[in-house]
PDB file of N, CA and C in Angstrom:
ATOM      1  N   MET A   1      93.296 113.370  67.190  1.00  0.00           N
ATOM      2  CA  MET A   1      92.961 114.761  66.959  1.00  0.00           C
ATOM      3  C   MET A   1      91.807 115.187  67.858  1.00  0.00           C
ATOM      4  N   ARG A   2      90.851 114.286  68.038  1.00  0.00           N
ATOM      5  CA  ARG A   2      89.683 114.594  68.850  1.00  0.00           C
ATOM      6  C   ARG A   2      90.090 114.927  70.287  1.00  0.00           C
ATOM      7  N   TYR A   3      91.054 114.164  70.809  1.00  0.00           N
ATOM      8  CA  TYR A   3      91.485 114.389  72.183  1.00  0.00           C
ATOM      9  C   TYR A   3      92.238 115.710  72.334  1.00  0.00           C
ATOM     10  N   ARG A   4      92.996 116.055  71.332  1.00  0.00           N
ATOM     11  CA  ARG A   4      93.700 117.342  71.368  1.00  0.00           C
ATOM     12  C   ARG A   4      92.712 118.495  71.360  1.00  0.00           C
ATOM     13  N   LEU A   5      91.694 118.375  70.534  1.00  0.00           N
ATOM     14  CA  LEU A   5      90.672 119.417  70.465  1.00  0.00           C
ATOM     15  C   LEU A   5      89.922 119.521  71.785  1.00  0.00           C
ATOM     16  N   THR A   6      89.570 118.378  72.361  1.00  0.00           N
ATOM     17  CA  THR A   6      88.879 118.376  73.651  1.00  0.00           C
ATOM     18  C   THR A   6      89.751 119.006  74.732  1.00  0.00           C
ATOM     19  N   PHE A   7      91.028 118.679  74.731  1.00  0.00           N
ATOM     20  CA  PHE A   7      91.946 119.257  75.705  1.00  0.00           C
ATOM     21  C   PHE A   7      92.045 120.769  75.533  1.00  0.00           C
ATOM     22  N   ALA A   8      92.166 121.215  74.297  1.00  0.00           N
ATOM     23  CA  ALA A   8      92.295 122.655  74.030  1.00  0.00           C
ATOM     24  C   ALA A   8      91.037 123.399  74.462  1.00  0.00           C
ATOM     25  N   VAL A   9      89.865 122.833  74.163  1.00  0.00           N
ATOM     26  CA  VAL A   9      88.610 123.469  74.565  1.00  0.00           C
ATOM     27  C   VAL A   9      88.522 123.532  76.092  1.00  0.00           C
ATOM     28  N   GLY A  10      88.890 122.432  76.759  1.00  0.00           N
ATOM     29  CA  GLY A  10      88.878 122.421  78.222  1.00  0.00           C
ATOM     30  C   GLY A  10      89.829 123.440  78.809  1.00  0.00           C
ATOM     31  N   LEU A  11      90.981 123.585  78.194  1.00  0.00           N
ATOM     32  CA  LEU A  11      91.959 124.566  78.649  1.00  0.00           C
ATOM     33  C   LEU A  11      91.418 125.988  78.519  1.00  0.00           C
ATOM     34  N   VAL A  12      90.809 126.287  77.396  1.00  0.00           N
ATOM     35  CA  VAL A  12      90.253 127.623  77.167  1.00  0.00           C
ATOM     36  C   VAL A  12      89.104 127.898  78.132  1.00  0.00           C
ATOM     37  N   VAL A  13      88.201 126.927  78.292  1.00  0.00           N
ATOM     38  CA  VAL A  13      87.062 127.122  79.206  1.00  0.00           C
ATOM     39  C   VAL A  13      87.558 127.310  80.631  1.00  0.00           C
ATOM     40  N   GLY A  14      88.535 126.519  81.050  1.00  0.00           N
ATOM     41  CA  GLY A  14      89.090 126.666  82.394  1.00  0.00           C
ATOM     42  C   GLY A  14      89.731 128.019  82.604  1.00  0.00           C
ATOM     43  N   TYR A  15      90.439 128.496  81.605  1.00  0.00           N
ATOM     44  CA  TYR A  15      91.084 129.795  81.712  1.00  0.00           C
ATOM     45  C   TYR A  15      90.050 130.908  81.827  1.00  0.00           C
ATOM     46  N   VAL A  16      89.019 130.856  80.967  1.00  0.00           N
ATOM     47  CA  VAL A  16      87.994 131.906  80.985  1.00  0.00           C
ATOM     48  C   VAL A  16      87.244 131.897  82.307  1.00  0.00           C
ATOM     49  N   LEU A  17      86.834 130.716  82.761  1.00  0.00           N
ATOM     50  CA  LEU A  17      86.123 130.651  84.037  1.00  0.00           C
ATOM     51  C   LEU A  17      87.020 131.064  85.194  1.00  0.00           C
ATOM     52  N   GLY A  18      88.279 130.709  85.132  1.00  0.00           N
ATOM     53  CA  GLY A  18      89.203 131.077  86.197  1.00  0.00           C
ATOM     54  C   GLY A  18      89.435 132.569  86.279  1.00  0.00           C
ATOM     55  N   THR A  19      89.538 133.218  85.145  1.00  0.00           N
ATOM     56  CA  THR A  19      89.765 134.662  85.173  1.00  0.00           C
ATOM     57  C   THR A  19      88.524 135.406  85.615  1.00  0.00           C
ATOM     58  N   ARG A  20      87.369 134.895  85.288  1.00  0.00           N
ATOM     59  CA  ARG A  20      86.132 135.551  85.730  1.00  0.00           C
ATOM     60  C   ARG A  20      85.865 135.338  87.207  1.00  0.00           C
ATOM     61  N   ALA A  21      86.249 134.172  87.732  1.00  0.00           N
ATOM     62  CA  ALA A  21      85.992 133.890  89.141  1.00  0.00           C
ATOM     63  C   ALA A  21      86.877 134.739  90.045  1.00  0.00           C
ATOM     64  N   GLY A  22      88.094 134.991  89.648  1.00  0.00           N
ATOM     65  CA  GLY A  22      88.980 135.841  90.431  1.00  0.00           C
ATOM     66  C   GLY A  22      89.763 135.095  91.485  1.00  0.00           C
ATOM     67  N   ARG A  23      90.570 135.856  92.183  1.00  0.00           N
ATOM     68  CA  ARG A  23      91.490 135.309  93.183  1.00  0.00           C
ATOM     69  C   ARG A  23      90.764 134.740  94.396  1.00  0.00           C
ATOM     70  N   GLU A  24      89.656 135.365  94.806  1.00  0.00           N
ATOM     71  CA  GLU A  24      88.932 134.895  95.995  1.00  0.00           C
ATOM     72  C   GLU A  24      88.392 133.488  95.788  1.00  0.00           C
ATOM     73  N   ARG A  25      87.818 133.263  94.642  1.00  0.00           N
ATOM     74  CA  ARG A  25      87.270 131.942  94.349  1.00  0.00           C
ATOM     75  C   ARG A  25      88.394 130.910  94.249  1.00  0.00           C
ATOM     76  N   TYR A  26      89.508 131.314  93.701  1.00  0.00           N
ATOM     77  CA  TYR A  26      90.665 130.424  93.621  1.00  0.00           C
ATOM     78  C   TYR A  26      91.113 130.004  95.018  1.00  0.00           C
ATOM     79  N   GLU A  27      91.187 130.951  95.923  1.00  0.00           N
ATOM     80  CA  GLU A  27      91.591 130.642  97.293  1.00  0.00           C
ATOM     81  C   GLU A  27      90.581 129.719  97.971  1.00  0.00           C
ATOM     82  N   GLN A  28      89.290 129.927  97.706  1.00  0.00           N
ATOM     83  CA  GLN A  28      88.262 129.037  98.260  1.00  0.00           C
ATOM     84  C   GLN A  28      88.446 127.615  97.745  1.00  0.00           C
ATOM     85  N   LEU A  29      88.653 127.484  96.455  1.00  0.00           N
ATOM     86  CA  LEU A  29      88.838 126.154  95.870  1.00  0.00           C
ATOM     87  C   LEU A  29      90.100 125.487  96.413  1.00  0.00           C
ATOM     88  N   LYS A  30      91.151 126.262  96.577  1.00  0.00           N
ATOM     89  CA  LYS A  30      92.405 125.742  97.103  1.00  0.00           C
ATOM     90  C   LYS A  30      92.225 125.238  98.538  1.00  0.00           C
ATOM     91  N   LYS A  31      91.492 126.007  99.354  1.00  0.00           N
ATOM     92  CA  LYS A  31      91.227 125.618 100.737  1.00  0.00           C
ATOM     93  C   LYS A  31      90.380 124.348 100.792  1.00  0.00           C
ATOM     94  N   SER A  32      89.367 124.264  99.934  1.00  0.00           N
ATOM     95  CA  SER A  32      88.515 123.072  99.887  1.00  0.00           C
ATOM     96  C   SER A  32      89.310 121.844  99.458  1.00  0.00           C
ATOM     97  N   ALA A  33      90.154 121.998  98.462  1.00  0.00           N
ATOM     98  CA  ALA A  33      90.966 120.882  97.992  1.00  0.00           C
ATOM     99  C   ALA A  33      91.915 120.403  99.084  1.00  0.00           C
ATOM    100  N   ARG A  34      92.488 121.327  99.829  1.00  0.00           N
ATOM    101  CA  ARG A  34      93.395 120.966 100.915  1.00  0.00           C
ATOM    102  C   ARG A  34      92.645 120.204 102.007  1.00  0.00           C
ATOM    103  N   GLN A  35      91.412 120.649 102.336  1.00  0.00           N
ATOM    104  CA  GLN A  35      90.621 119.964 103.353  1.00  0.00           C
ATOM    105  C   GLN A  35      90.273 118.545 102.921  1.00  0.00           C
ATOM    106  N   VAL A  36      89.920 118.384 101.651  1.00  0.00           N
ATOM    107  CA  VAL A  36      89.597 117.051 101.146  1.00  0.00           C
ATOM    108  C   VAL A  36      90.833 116.159 101.186  1.00  0.00           C
ATOM    109  N   ALA A  37      91.974 116.691 100.790  1.00  0.00           N
ATOM    110  CA  ALA A  37      93.202 115.905 100.767  1.00  0.00           C
ATOM    111  C   ALA A  37      93.646 115.500 102.166  1.00  0.00           C
ATOM    112  N   GLN A  38      93.328 116.286 103.169  1.00  0.00           N
ATOM    113  CA  GLN A  38      93.725 115.982 104.535  1.00  0.00           C
ATOM    114  C   GLN A  38      92.704 115.121 105.269  1.00  0.00           C
ATOM    115  N   ASN A  39      91.577 114.845 104.642  1.00  0.00           N
ATOM    116  CA  ASN A  39      90.550 114.008 105.247  1.00  0.00           C
ATOM    117  C   ASN A  39      91.099 112.590 105.414  1.00  0.00           C
ATOM    118  N   PRO A  40      90.995 112.008 106.617  1.00  0.00           N
ATOM    119  CA  PRO A  40      91.543 110.662 106.846  1.00  0.00           C
ATOM    120  C   PRO A  40      90.934 109.594 105.930  1.00  0.00           C
ATOM    121  N   ALA A  41      89.658 109.704 105.652  1.00  0.00           N
ATOM    122  CA  ALA A  41      89.025 108.710 104.778  1.00  0.00           C
ATOM    123  C   ALA A  41      89.608 108.770 103.370  1.00  0.00           C
ATOM    124  N   VAL A  42      89.836 109.973 102.887  1.00  0.00           N
ATOM    125  CA  VAL A  42      90.410 110.141 101.552  1.00  0.00           C
ATOM    126  C   VAL A  42      91.851 109.627 101.537  1.00  0.00           C
ATOM    127  N   ARG A  43      92.605 109.941 102.569  1.00  0.00           N
ATOM    128  CA  ARG A  43      93.995 109.485 102.632  1.00  0.00           C
ATOM    129  C   ARG A  43      94.073 107.963 102.698  1.00  0.00           C
ATOM    130  N   ASN A  44      93.196 107.333 103.506  1.00  0.00           N
ATOM    131  CA  ASN A  44      93.195 105.875 103.606  1.00  0.00           C
ATOM    132  C   ASN A  44      92.823 105.237 102.273  1.00  0.00           C
ATOM    133  N   THR A  45      91.834 105.813 101.601  1.00  0.00           N
ATOM    134  CA  THR A  45      91.413 105.283 100.312  1.00  0.00           C
ATOM    135  C   THR A  45      92.536 105.402  99.285  1.00  0.00           C
ATOM    136  N   ALA A  46      93.207 106.538  99.258  1.00  0.00           N
ATOM    137  CA  ALA A  46      94.307 106.733  98.316  1.00  0.00           C
ATOM    138  C   ALA A  46      95.451 105.770  98.610  1.00  0.00           C
ATOM    139  N   GLU A  47      95.746 105.568  99.883  1.00  0.00           N
ATOM    140  CA  GLU A  47      96.819 104.655 100.254  1.00  0.00           C
ATOM    141  C   GLU A  47      96.483 103.215  99.875  1.00  0.00           C
ATOM    142  N   SER A  48      95.251 102.798 100.141  1.00  0.00           N
ATOM    143  CA  SER A  48      94.874 101.426  99.782  1.00  0.00           C
ATOM    144  C   SER A  48      94.844 101.245  98.270  1.00  0.00           C
ATOM    145  N   ALA A  49      94.432 102.278  97.531  1.00  0.00           N
ATOM    146  CA  ALA A  49      94.454 102.190  96.066  1.00  0.00           C
ATOM    147  C   ALA A  49      95.884 102.055  95.563  1.00  0.00           C
ATOM    148  N   ALA A  50      96.792 102.786  96.169  1.00  0.00           N
ATOM    149  CA  ALA A  50      98.196 102.691  95.768  1.00  0.00           C
ATOM    150  C   ALA A  50      98.765 101.302  96.070  1.00  0.00           C
ATOM    151  N   GLN A  51      98.425 100.759  97.231  1.00  0.00           N
ATOM    152  CA  GLN A  51      98.906  99.421  97.584  1.00  0.00           C
ATOM    153  C   GLN A  51      98.332  98.373  96.644  1.00  0.00           C
ATOM    154  N   ASN A  52      97.037  98.493  96.329  1.00  0.00           N
ATOM    155  CA  ASN A  52      96.435  97.541  95.402  1.00  0.00           C
ATOM    156  C   ASN A  52      97.068  97.657  94.024  1.00  0.00           C
ATOM    157  N   GLY A  53      97.337  98.865  93.602  1.00  0.00           N
ATOM    158  CA  GLY A  53      97.983  99.066  92.308  1.00  0.00           C
ATOM    159  C   GLY A  53      99.351  98.435  92.255  1.00  0.00           C
ATOM    160  N   ARG A  54     100.135  98.598  93.333  1.00  0.00           N
ATOM    161  CA  ARG A  54     101.454  97.967  93.377  1.00  0.00           C
ATOM    162  C   ARG A  54     101.335  96.449  93.357  1.00  0.00           C
ATOM    163  N   ALA A  55     100.353  95.918  94.080  1.00  0.00           N
ATOM    164  CA  ALA A  55     100.177  94.460  94.113  1.00  0.00           C
ATOM    165  C   ALA A  55      99.802  93.926  92.733  1.00  0.00           C
ATOM    166  N   TYR A  56      98.859  94.579  92.071  1.00  0.00           N
ATOM    167  CA  TYR A  56      98.445  94.127  90.741  1.00  0.00           C
ATOM    168  C   TYR A  56      99.579  94.295  89.726  1.00  0.00           C
ATOM    169  N   ALA A  57     100.325  95.358  89.845  1.00  0.00           N
ATOM    170  CA  ALA A  57     101.452  95.571  88.931  1.00  0.00           C
ATOM    171  C   ALA A  57     102.504  94.490  89.134  1.00  0.00           C
ATOM    172  N   GLY A  58     102.748  94.114  90.376  1.00  0.00           N
ATOM    173  CA  GLY A  58     103.710  93.048  90.657  1.00  0.00           C
ATOM    174  C   GLY A  58     103.260  91.716  90.086  1.00  0.00           C
ATOM    175  N   LYS A  59     101.965  91.411  90.266  1.00  0.00           N
ATOM    176  CA  LYS A  59     101.433  90.164  89.712  1.00  0.00           C
ATOM    177  C   LYS A  59     101.523  90.167  88.194  1.00  0.00           C
ATOM    178  N   ALA A  60     101.187  91.291  87.584  1.00  0.00           N
ATOM    179  CA  ALA A  60     101.242  91.388  86.124  1.00  0.00           C
ATOM    180  C   ALA A  60     102.677  91.244  85.640  1.00  0.00           C
ATOM    181  N   PHE A  61     103.617  91.864  86.340  1.00  0.00           N
ATOM    182  CA  PHE A  61     105.027  91.763  85.960  1.00  0.00           C
ATOM    183  C   PHE A  61     105.488  90.316  85.970  1.00  0.00           C
ATOM    184  N   HIS A  62     105.153  89.592  87.038  1.00  0.00           N
ATOM    185  CA  HIS A  62     105.594  88.207  87.133  1.00  0.00           C
ATOM    186  C   HIS A  62     104.908  87.333  86.088  1.00  0.00           C
ATOM    187  N   ALA A  63     103.625  87.575  85.840  1.00  0.00           N
ATOM    188  CA  ALA A  63     102.916  86.796  84.830  1.00  0.00           C
ATOM    189  C   ALA A  63     103.511  87.027  83.445  1.00  0.00           C
ATOM    190  N   VAL A  64     103.772  88.271  83.134  1.00  0.00           N
ATOM    191  CA  VAL A  64     104.334  88.593  81.818  1.00  0.00           C
ATOM    192  C   VAL A  64     105.758  88.074  81.692  1.00  0.00           C
ATOM    193  N   SER A  65     106.561  88.247  82.731  1.00  0.00           N
ATOM    194  CA  SER A  65     107.954  87.801  82.637  1.00  0.00           C
ATOM    195  C   SER A  65     108.030  86.285  82.510  1.00  0.00           C
ATOM    196  N   GLU A  66     107.118  85.554  83.172  1.00  0.00           N
ATOM    197  CA  GLU A  66     107.109  84.099  83.034  1.00  0.00           C
ATOM    198  C   GLU A  66     106.717  83.691  81.620  1.00  0.00           C
ATOM    199  N   LYS A  67     105.702  84.363  81.059  1.00  0.00           N
ATOM    200  CA  LYS A  67     105.261  84.047  79.697  1.00  0.00           C
ATOM    201  C   LYS A  67     106.366  84.346  78.689  1.00  0.00           C
ATOM    202  N   VAL A  68     107.029  85.472  78.867  1.00  0.00           N
ATOM    203  CA  VAL A  68     108.095  85.841  77.940  1.00  0.00           C
ATOM    204  C   VAL A  68     109.232  84.836  78.028  1.00  0.00           C
ATOM    205  N   SER A  69     109.606  84.463  79.249  1.00  0.00           N
ATOM    206  CA  SER A  69     110.715  83.522  79.375  1.00  0.00           C
ATOM    207  C   SER A  69     110.339  82.153  78.825  1.00  0.00           C
ATOM    208  N   GLU A  70     109.050  81.756  78.928  1.00  0.00           N
ATOM    209  CA  GLU A  70     108.611  80.487  78.353  1.00  0.00           C
ATOM    210  C   GLU A  70     108.677  80.537  76.832  1.00  0.00           C
ATOM    211  N   LYS A  71     108.221  81.661  76.253  1.00  0.00           N
ATOM    212  CA  LYS A  71     108.198  81.772  74.799  1.00  0.00           C
ATOM    213  C   LYS A  71     109.598  81.932  74.224  1.00  0.00           C
ATOM    214  N   VAL A  72     110.413  82.721  74.885  1.00  0.00           N
ATOM    215  CA  VAL A  72     111.758  82.954  74.381  1.00  0.00           C
ATOM    216  C   VAL A  72     112.623  81.734  74.645  1.00  0.00           C
ATOM    217  N   GLY A  73     112.533  81.236  75.877  1.00  0.00           N
ATOM    218  CA  GLY A  73     113.238  80.011  76.234  1.00  0.00           C
ATOM    219  C   GLY A  73     114.706  80.017  75.870  1.00  0.00           C
ATOM    220  N   ASP A  74     115.105  79.023  75.103  1.00  0.00           N
ATOM    221  CA  ASP A  74     116.510  78.857  74.728  1.00  0.00           C
ATOM    222  C   ASP A  74     116.911  79.734  73.552  1.00  0.00           C
ATOM    223  N   LYS A  75     115.980  80.471  72.992  1.00  0.00           N
ATOM    224  CA  LYS A  75     116.293  81.301  71.831  1.00  0.00           C
ATOM    225  C   LYS A  75     117.108  82.533  72.209  1.00  0.00           C
ATOM    226  N   ALA A  76     116.987  82.974  73.452  1.00  0.00           N
ATOM    227  CA  ALA A  76     117.702  84.172  73.892  1.00  0.00           C
ATOM    228  C   ALA A  76     119.144  83.812  74.239  1.00  0.00           C
ATOM    229  N   PRO A  77     120.048  84.753  74.024  1.00  0.00           N
ATOM    230  CA  PRO A  77     121.442  84.524  74.436  1.00  0.00           C
ATOM    231  C   PRO A  77     121.534  84.353  75.950  1.00  0.00           C
ATOM    232  N   LYS A  78     122.528  83.640  76.399  1.00  0.00           N
ATOM    233  CA  LYS A  78     122.682  83.341  77.822  1.00  0.00           C
ATOM    234  C   LYS A  78     122.775  84.609  78.667  1.00  0.00           C
ATOM    235  N   SER A  79     123.452  85.633  78.180  1.00  0.00           N
ATOM    236  CA  SER A  79     123.610  86.863  78.963  1.00  0.00           C
ATOM    237  C   SER A  79     122.255  87.530  79.217  1.00  0.00           C
ATOM    238  N   ILE A  80     121.388  87.518  78.220  1.00  0.00           N
ATOM    239  CA  ILE A  80     120.060  88.120  78.386  1.00  0.00           C
ATOM    240  C   ILE A  80     119.220  87.268  79.328  1.00  0.00           C
ATOM    241  N   ALA A  81     119.281  85.959  79.159  1.00  0.00           N
ATOM    242  CA  ALA A  81     118.513  85.069  80.039  1.00  0.00           C
ATOM    243  C   ALA A  81     118.946  85.245  81.490  1.00  0.00           C
ATOM    244  N   ASP A  82     120.251  85.385  81.714  1.00  0.00           N
ATOM    245  CA  ASP A  82     120.750  85.594  83.082  1.00  0.00           C
ATOM    246  C   ASP A  82     120.267  86.923  83.646  1.00  0.00           C
ATOM    247  N   ARG A  83     120.249  87.946  82.815  1.00  0.00           N
ATOM    248  CA  ARG A  83     119.800  89.272  83.267  1.00  0.00           C
ATOM    249  C   ARG A  83     118.319  89.242  83.640  1.00  0.00           C
ATOM    250  N   VAL A  84     117.504  88.592  82.816  1.00  0.00           N
ATOM    251  CA  VAL A  84     116.066  88.484  83.114  1.00  0.00           C
ATOM    252  C   VAL A  84     115.856  87.711  84.403  1.00  0.00           C
ATOM    253  N   ARG A  85     116.602  86.645  84.575  1.00  0.00           N
ATOM    254  CA  ARG A  85     116.479  85.839  85.789  1.00  0.00           C
ATOM    255  C   ARG A  85     116.851  86.661  87.020  1.00  0.00           C
ATOM    256  N   SER A  86     117.913  87.460  86.937  1.00  0.00           N
ATOM    257  CA  SER A  86     118.325  88.273  88.089  1.00  0.00           C
ATOM    258  C   SER A  86     117.304  89.368  88.383  1.00  0.00           C
ATOM    259  N   LEU A  87     116.724  89.943  87.349  1.00  0.00           N
ATOM    260  CA  LEU A  87     115.687  90.952  87.578  1.00  0.00           C
ATOM    261  C   LEU A  87     114.454  90.333  88.215  1.00  0.00           C
ATOM    262  N   ARG A  88     114.103  89.133  87.790  1.00  0.00           N
ATOM    263  CA  ARG A  88     112.941  88.472  88.358  1.00  0.00           C
ATOM    264  C   ARG A  88     113.177  88.167  89.833  1.00  0.00           C
ATOM    265  N   GLU A  89     114.379  87.711  90.164  1.00  0.00           N
ATOM    266  CA  GLU A  89     114.702  87.424  91.560  1.00  0.00           C
ATOM    267  C   GLU A  89     114.716  88.697  92.387  1.00  0.00           C
ATOM    268  N   ARG A  90     115.198  89.770  91.811  1.00  0.00           N
ATOM    269  CA  ARG A  90     115.213  91.057  92.513  1.00  0.00           C
ATOM    270  C   ARG A  90     113.795  91.550  92.774  1.00  0.00           C
ATOM    271  N   GLY A  91     112.868  91.232  91.892  1.00  0.00           N
ATOM    272  CA  GLY A  91     111.477  91.639  92.061  1.00  0.00           C
ATOM    273  C   GLY A  91     110.768  90.927  93.195  1.00  0.00           C
ATOM    274  N   GLN A  92     111.393  89.895  93.756  1.00  0.00           N
ATOM    275  CA  GLN A  92     110.801  89.146  94.856  1.00  0.00           C
ATOM    276  C   GLN A  92     110.956  89.868  96.190  1.00  0.00           C
ATOM    277  N   ASP A  93     111.751  90.940  96.235  1.00  0.00           N
ATOM    278  CA  ASP A  93     111.989  91.675  97.481  1.00  0.00           C
ATOM    279  C   ASP A  93     110.686  92.239  98.017  1.00  0.00           C
ATOM    280  N   THR A  94     110.672  92.547  99.315  1.00  0.00           N
ATOM    281  CA  THR A  94     109.469  93.072  99.942  1.00  0.00           C
ATOM    282  C   THR A  94     109.392  94.589  99.890  1.00  0.00           C
ATOM    283  N   GLU A  95     110.455  95.265  99.450  1.00  0.00           N
ATOM    284  CA  GLU A  95     110.424  96.717  99.345  1.00  0.00           C
ATOM    285  C   GLU A  95     110.707  97.130  97.914  1.00  0.00           C
ATOM    286  N   ASP A  96     110.078  98.240  97.506  1.00  0.00           N
ATOM    287  CA  ASP A  96     110.349  98.742  96.164  1.00  0.00           C
ATOM    288  C   ASP A  96     111.470  99.769  96.209  1.00  0.00           C
ATOM    289  N   ASP A  97     111.740 100.442  95.110  1.00  0.00           N
ATOM    290  CA  ASP A  97     112.852 101.376  95.022  1.00  0.00           C
ATOM    291  C   ASP A  97     112.711 102.581  95.941  1.00  0.00           C
ATOM    292  N   TRP A  98     111.479 102.877  96.371  1.00  0.00           N
ATOM    293  CA  TRP A  98     111.260 104.035  97.219  1.00  0.00           C
ATOM    294  C   TRP A  98     111.263 103.686  98.695  1.00  0.00           C
ATOM    295  N   GLY A  99     111.530 102.436  99.028  1.00  0.00           N
ATOM    296  CA  GLY A  99     111.587 102.026 100.416  1.00  0.00           C
ATOM    297  C   GLY A  99     110.230 101.756 101.035  1.00  0.00           C
ATOM    298  N   THR A 100     109.196 101.604 100.189  1.00  0.00           N
ATOM    299  CA  THR A 100     107.877 101.297 100.723  1.00  0.00           C
ATOM    300  C   THR A 100     107.573  99.843 100.514  1.00  0.00           C
ATOM    301  N   SER A 101     106.697  99.314 101.324  1.00  0.00           N
ATOM    302  CA  SER A 101     106.360  97.907 101.287  1.00  0.00           C
ATOM    303  C   SER A 101     105.477  97.593 100.098  1.00  0.00           C
ATOM    304  N   ASN A 102     105.654  96.433  99.475  1.00  0.00           N
ATOM    305  CA  ASN A 102     104.808  95.992  98.367  1.00  0.00           C
ATOM    306  C   ASN A 102     103.592  95.237  98.851  1.00  0.00           C
ATOM    307  N   THR A 103     103.454  95.056 100.144  1.00  0.00           N
ATOM    308  CA  THR A 103     102.324  94.268 100.664  1.00  0.00           C
ATOM    309  C   THR A 103     101.164  95.134 101.014  1.00  0.00           C
TER     310      THR A 103
END
């Protein structure tokens, strides 16, 4: 409930400040945001953060899938075990679903 209230208050404050600032201030903020987004340092940082996130997510996926397969072991039906094994092998690829490198 606290988070909903905080969100609602933020929404109202943003709306009130936005309407008082007007269109000119909005255009200034939009131009500034575009300049920051096009800054090479910001783009490099965002790209490296995305790559690190993919790497950590991949490591976490493999760690969790290994633990699950160890705990489940022979208790799972063969069809499920085969499916998990094929998904794990598929996760070894160097490209993700969007055609970008995981390295």
